[in-house]
Amino acid sequence: MAPPAAVPVVLPKPETYRNALFSQIARRLPCRWPAEHVCSGDHMWCHSNHQADGKGMGLKASDACGMVACKNAHDEYDQGRRFSYEQKAEYFARASLDSLVDMIEGGWLVPSLAPLTDL
């Protein structure tokens, strides 16, 4: 008797945080890519390319893990060969923090004082 045929296991994609407001806000903020580049002027929200931030095969990182960058900087971050993976990770960390500060100080991202009931 032949062994039973293998049944493929299909795992659902994990739910990732998405919020279109990040893209809308990014268009109004300065490019934060810290490496020298020619800014293209069309700013967008760029997702992290790092597994630690939820990036994986066929998966984008959470919208909460991003930076404001122009198209040229985004291309450099995604496909550029000028910098090592480690340098890109360092630049992303700086740009992500600067983007967050811009969003908070500009009044685009307002921390909530909602009660924490889980504690």
Foldseek 3Di string as FASTA:
>chain_A
DDDDDDDDDDDDDDDAADDCLQFVVLQVDDAQQPDDDDAPSRKGWAFDCDVVQPHDVVDTGHSLQTAIHGPVSNCCLPPNDPDDVVVSVVSSVRRSVVRVCCCVVVVNDDDDPPDDPVD
